[in-house]
Amino acid sequence: MVIMVLTLSYLEGVSQEQIDILPHALKRETIRKEWIYNCILEGEISGVLKQRENRLRIYYKHPIKADNYDLVIIIDVIKGSTNV
């Protein structure tokens, strides 16, 4: 749990310019780039699963769907980089 807290601390103070959204994240027409930015920069995390070293699956409340829907964002934290 300590590692997860440290990794999530990387998200504090991150700017939009430090976030790289890979093309496959936007393959679905129902996902908007601004939602991803808004969730990471301002959203309240509703759940976290550690997938592997420095990779997290972070659950946010979906910006337009009902309460029982999540927007799931996979984040790789690259040590020594300014990109998250």
N, C-alpha and C. Protein backbone atom coordinates (compact mmCIF):
# COMPACT_ATOMS: atom_id res chain seq x y z
N MET A 1 0.82 -1.20 0.00
CA MET A 1 0.00 0.00 0.00
C MET A 1 0.86 1.26 0.00
N VAL A 2 1.98 1.22 0.64
CA VAL A 2 2.85 2.39 0.68
C VAL A 2 3.32 2.75 -0.73
N ILE A 3 3.66 1.76 -1.54
CA ILE A 3 4.11 2.02 -2.91
C ILE A 3 3.01 2.70 -3.70
N MET A 4 1.77 2.26 -3.53
CA MET A 4 0.65 2.85 -4.26
C MET A 4 0.48 4.31 -3.87
N VAL A 5 0.59 4.64 -2.60
CA VAL A 5 0.45 6.01 -2.14
C VAL A 5 1.56 6.87 -2.74
N LEU A 6 2.78 6.36 -2.75
CA LEU A 6 3.89 7.10 -3.34
C LEU A 6 3.68 7.32 -4.83
N THR A 7 3.20 6.29 -5.52
CA THR A 7 2.98 6.41 -6.96
C THR A 7 1.87 7.41 -7.24
N LEU A 8 0.79 7.37 -6.49
CA LEU A 8 -0.30 8.32 -6.69
C LEU A 8 0.14 9.74 -6.39
N SER A 9 1.14 9.91 -5.54
CA SER A 9 1.62 11.26 -5.25
C SER A 9 2.22 11.92 -6.49
N TYR A 10 2.65 11.13 -7.48
CA TYR A 10 3.13 11.69 -8.73
C TYR A 10 2.04 12.49 -9.45
N LEU A 11 0.79 12.16 -9.21
CA LEU A 11 -0.30 12.85 -9.88
C LEU A 11 -0.57 14.23 -9.29
N GLU A 12 -0.11 14.47 -8.06
CA GLU A 12 -0.31 15.78 -7.44
C GLU A 12 0.56 16.80 -8.15
N GLY A 13 -0.05 17.84 -8.63
CA GLY A 13 0.70 18.91 -9.26
C GLY A 13 1.11 18.63 -10.70
N VAL A 14 0.67 17.51 -11.27
CA VAL A 14 0.99 17.23 -12.67
C VAL A 14 0.20 18.17 -13.57
N SER A 15 0.78 18.55 -14.69
CA SER A 15 0.08 19.43 -15.63
C SER A 15 -0.36 18.63 -16.86
N GLN A 16 -1.24 19.22 -17.62
CA GLN A 16 -1.75 18.55 -18.82
C GLN A 16 -0.60 18.25 -19.80
N GLU A 17 0.40 19.11 -19.85
CA GLU A 17 1.52 18.90 -20.75
C GLU A 17 2.36 17.69 -20.37
N GLN A 18 2.26 17.23 -19.13
CA GLN A 18 3.03 16.08 -18.66
C GLN A 18 2.29 14.77 -18.89
N ILE A 19 1.08 14.83 -19.39
CA ILE A 19 0.27 13.63 -19.60
C ILE A 19 0.29 13.25 -21.07
N ASP A 20 0.75 12.04 -21.35
CA ASP A 20 0.73 11.52 -22.72
C ASP A 20 -0.43 10.55 -22.85
N ILE A 21 -1.38 10.89 -23.71
CA ILE A 21 -2.50 9.98 -23.96
C ILE A 21 -2.18 9.24 -25.25
N LEU A 22 -2.05 7.93 -25.13
CA LEU A 22 -1.71 7.11 -26.29
C LEU A 22 -2.92 6.94 -27.20
N PRO A 23 -2.70 6.79 -28.50
CA PRO A 23 -3.80 6.71 -29.47
C PRO A 23 -4.85 5.63 -29.16
N HIS A 24 -4.41 4.49 -28.64
CA HIS A 24 -5.40 3.42 -28.39
C HIS A 24 -6.39 3.81 -27.29
N ALA A 25 -6.07 4.80 -26.46
CA ALA A 25 -6.99 5.24 -25.42
C ALA A 25 -8.21 5.93 -26.00
N LEU A 26 -8.10 6.40 -27.23
CA LEU A 26 -9.19 7.15 -27.84
C LEU A 26 -9.85 6.40 -28.99
N LYS A 27 -9.62 5.09 -29.10
CA LYS A 27 -10.22 4.31 -30.18
C LYS A 27 -11.74 4.29 -30.11
N ARG A 28 -12.26 4.27 -28.90
CA ARG A 28 -13.72 4.28 -28.75
C ARG A 28 -14.24 5.69 -28.94
N GLU A 29 -15.27 5.82 -29.70
CA GLU A 29 -15.87 7.14 -29.94
C GLU A 29 -16.53 7.71 -28.68
N THR A 30 -16.75 6.85 -27.70
CA THR A 30 -17.43 7.28 -26.48
C THR A 30 -16.47 7.84 -25.43
N ILE A 31 -15.17 7.88 -25.73
CA ILE A 31 -14.18 8.43 -24.81
C ILE A 31 -13.65 9.74 -25.38
N ARG A 32 -13.62 10.75 -24.55
CA ARG A 32 -13.13 12.06 -24.99
C ARG A 32 -11.83 12.40 -24.26
N LYS A 33 -10.91 12.96 -24.99
CA LYS A 33 -9.60 13.32 -24.44
C LYS A 33 -9.72 14.25 -23.23
N GLU A 34 -10.63 15.20 -23.30
CA GLU A 34 -10.78 16.15 -22.19
C GLU A 34 -11.26 15.46 -20.91
N TRP A 35 -12.03 14.38 -21.04
CA TRP A 35 -12.46 13.62 -19.86
C TRP A 35 -11.24 13.03 -19.16
N ILE A 36 -10.32 12.49 -19.94
CA ILE A 36 -9.12 11.88 -19.36
C ILE A 36 -8.31 12.93 -18.62
N TYR A 37 -8.09 14.06 -19.28
CA TYR A 37 -7.35 15.14 -18.62
C TYR A 37 -8.06 15.60 -17.34
N ASN A 38 -9.37 15.84 -17.43
CA ASN A 38 -10.12 16.33 -16.27
C ASN A 38 -10.08 15.35 -15.11
N CYS A 39 -10.22 14.07 -15.41
CA CYS A 39 -10.18 13.07 -14.34
C CYS A 39 -8.82 13.06 -13.65
N ILE A 40 -7.76 13.01 -14.43
CA ILE A 40 -6.41 12.94 -13.85
C ILE A 40 -6.08 14.22 -13.08
N LEU A 41 -6.44 15.37 -13.64
CA LEU A 41 -6.05 16.63 -13.03
C LEU A 41 -6.96 17.09 -11.89
N GLU A 42 -8.26 16.77 -11.98
CA GLU A 42 -9.21 17.31 -11.02
C GLU A 42 -10.15 16.28 -10.41
N GLY A 43 -10.21 15.09 -10.99
CA GLY A 43 -11.20 14.11 -10.58
C GLY A 43 -10.90 13.45 -9.24
N GLU A 44 -11.96 12.98 -8.64
CA GLU A 44 -11.85 12.24 -7.39
C GLU A 44 -11.74 10.76 -7.70
N ILE A 45 -10.70 10.14 -7.21
CA ILE A 45 -10.45 8.71 -7.46
C ILE A 45 -11.44 7.89 -6.66
N SER A 46 -12.12 6.95 -7.33
CA SER A 46 -13.06 6.09 -6.62
C SER A 46 -12.49 4.69 -6.38
N GLY A 47 -11.37 4.37 -7.01
CA GLY A 47 -10.73 3.07 -6.78
C GLY A 47 -9.40 2.98 -7.51
N VAL A 48 -8.53 2.10 -6.99
CA VAL A 48 -7.21 1.92 -7.59
C VAL A 48 -6.84 0.44 -7.51
N LEU A 49 -6.34 -0.09 -8.63
CA LEU A 49 -5.76 -1.43 -8.64
C LEU A 49 -4.35 -1.33 -9.19
N LYS A 50 -3.42 -1.93 -8.50
CA LYS A 50 -2.05 -1.96 -9.01
C LYS A 50 -1.93 -3.13 -9.97
N GLN A 51 -1.59 -2.86 -11.22
CA GLN A 51 -1.48 -3.92 -12.22
C GLN A 51 -0.09 -4.53 -12.23
N ARG A 52 0.92 -3.69 -12.07
CA ARG A 52 2.31 -4.13 -11.97
C ARG A 52 3.14 -2.94 -11.52
N GLU A 53 4.43 -3.13 -11.43
CA GLU A 53 5.33 -2.06 -11.00
C GLU A 53 5.07 -0.80 -11.83
N ASN A 54 4.71 0.28 -11.18
CA ASN A 54 4.50 1.59 -11.81
C ASN A 54 3.33 1.64 -12.80
N ARG A 55 2.43 0.67 -12.77
CA ARG A 55 1.22 0.74 -13.60
C ARG A 55 0.01 0.59 -12.69
N LEU A 56 -0.89 1.57 -12.80
CA LEU A 56 -2.09 1.58 -11.98
C LEU A 56 -3.33 1.67 -12.85
N ARG A 57 -4.36 0.99 -12.42
CA ARG A 57 -5.69 1.12 -13.03
C ARG A 57 -6.49 1.98 -12.06
N ILE A 58 -6.83 3.19 -12.50
CA ILE A 58 -7.49 4.14 -11.62
C ILE A 58 -8.93 4.34 -12.09
N TYR A 59 -9.85 4.22 -11.14
CA TYR A 59 -11.27 4.35 -11.43
C TYR A 59 -11.76 5.73 -11.01
N TYR A 60 -12.44 6.39 -11.94
CA TYR A 60 -13.07 7.67 -11.68
C TYR A 60 -14.55 7.54 -12.00
N LYS A 61 -15.38 8.37 -11.37
CA LYS A 61 -16.79 8.42 -11.72
C LYS A 61 -16.90 8.89 -13.17
N HIS A 62 -17.71 8.21 -13.95
CA HIS A 62 -17.86 8.58 -15.36
C HIS A 62 -18.46 9.98 -15.45
N PRO A 63 -17.89 10.83 -16.32
CA PRO A 63 -18.34 12.22 -16.38
C PRO A 63 -19.78 12.44 -16.83
N ILE A 64 -20.37 11.51 -17.60
CA ILE A 64 -21.74 11.76 -18.07
C ILE A 64 -22.71 10.62 -17.80
N LYS A 65 -22.20 9.44 -17.48
CA LYS A 65 -23.10 8.30 -17.24
C LYS A 65 -23.54 8.24 -15.79
N ALA A 66 -24.46 7.33 -15.52
CA ALA A 66 -25.02 7.17 -14.18
C ALA A 66 -23.94 6.78 -13.17
N ASP A 67 -24.30 6.87 -11.90
CA ASP A 67 -23.36 6.61 -10.80
C ASP A 67 -22.72 5.22 -10.84
N ASN A 68 -23.38 4.26 -11.44
CA ASN A 68 -22.82 2.90 -11.44
C ASN A 68 -21.84 2.66 -12.60
N TYR A 69 -21.43 3.71 -13.30
CA TYR A 69 -20.45 3.60 -14.39
C TYR A 69 -19.16 4.31 -13.98
N ASP A 70 -18.04 3.70 -14.37
CA ASP A 70 -16.73 4.29 -14.10
C ASP A 70 -16.03 4.61 -15.41
N LEU A 71 -15.11 5.55 -15.33
CA LEU A 71 -14.16 5.78 -16.39
C LEU A 71 -12.84 5.26 -15.84
N VAL A 72 -12.28 4.24 -16.48
CA VAL A 72 -11.07 3.59 -16.00
C VAL A 72 -9.89 4.09 -16.82
N ILE A 73 -8.88 4.58 -16.13
CA ILE A 73 -7.69 5.11 -16.79
C ILE A 73 -6.48 4.32 -16.29
N ILE A 74 -5.71 3.80 -17.23
CA ILE A 74 -4.48 3.08 -16.89
C ILE A 74 -3.34 4.08 -16.96
N ILE A 75 -2.57 4.14 -15.87
CA ILE A 75 -1.48 5.11 -15.79
C ILE A 75 -0.17 4.37 -15.56
N ASP A 76 0.80 4.67 -16.41
CA ASP A 76 2.18 4.21 -16.21
C ASP A 76 2.98 5.39 -15.69
N VAL A 77 3.64 5.21 -14.57
CA VAL A 77 4.50 6.24 -14.02
C VAL A 77 5.93 5.91 -14.43
N ILE A 78 6.54 6.83 -15.16
CA ILE A 78 7.90 6.62 -15.64
C ILE A 78 8.84 7.40 -14.73
N LYS A 79 9.66 6.67 -13.98
CA LYS A 79 10.59 7.31 -13.04
C LYS A 79 11.64 8.10 -13.81
N GLY A 80 11.97 9.24 -13.26
CA GLY A 80 12.99 10.07 -13.88
C GLY A 80 12.51 10.84 -15.09
N SER A 81 11.22 10.84 -15.31
CA SER A 81 10.63 11.53 -16.45
C SER A 81 9.68 12.59 -15.95
N THR A 82 9.41 13.58 -16.78
CA THR A 82 8.41 14.58 -16.44
C THR A 82 7.05 14.17 -16.94
N ASN A 83 6.95 13.05 -17.68
CA ASN A 83 5.67 12.57 -18.19
C ASN A 83 5.08 11.55 -17.26
N VAL A 84 3.77 11.60 -17.08
CA VAL A 84 3.06 10.61 -16.27
C VAL A 84 2.19 9.81 -17.20
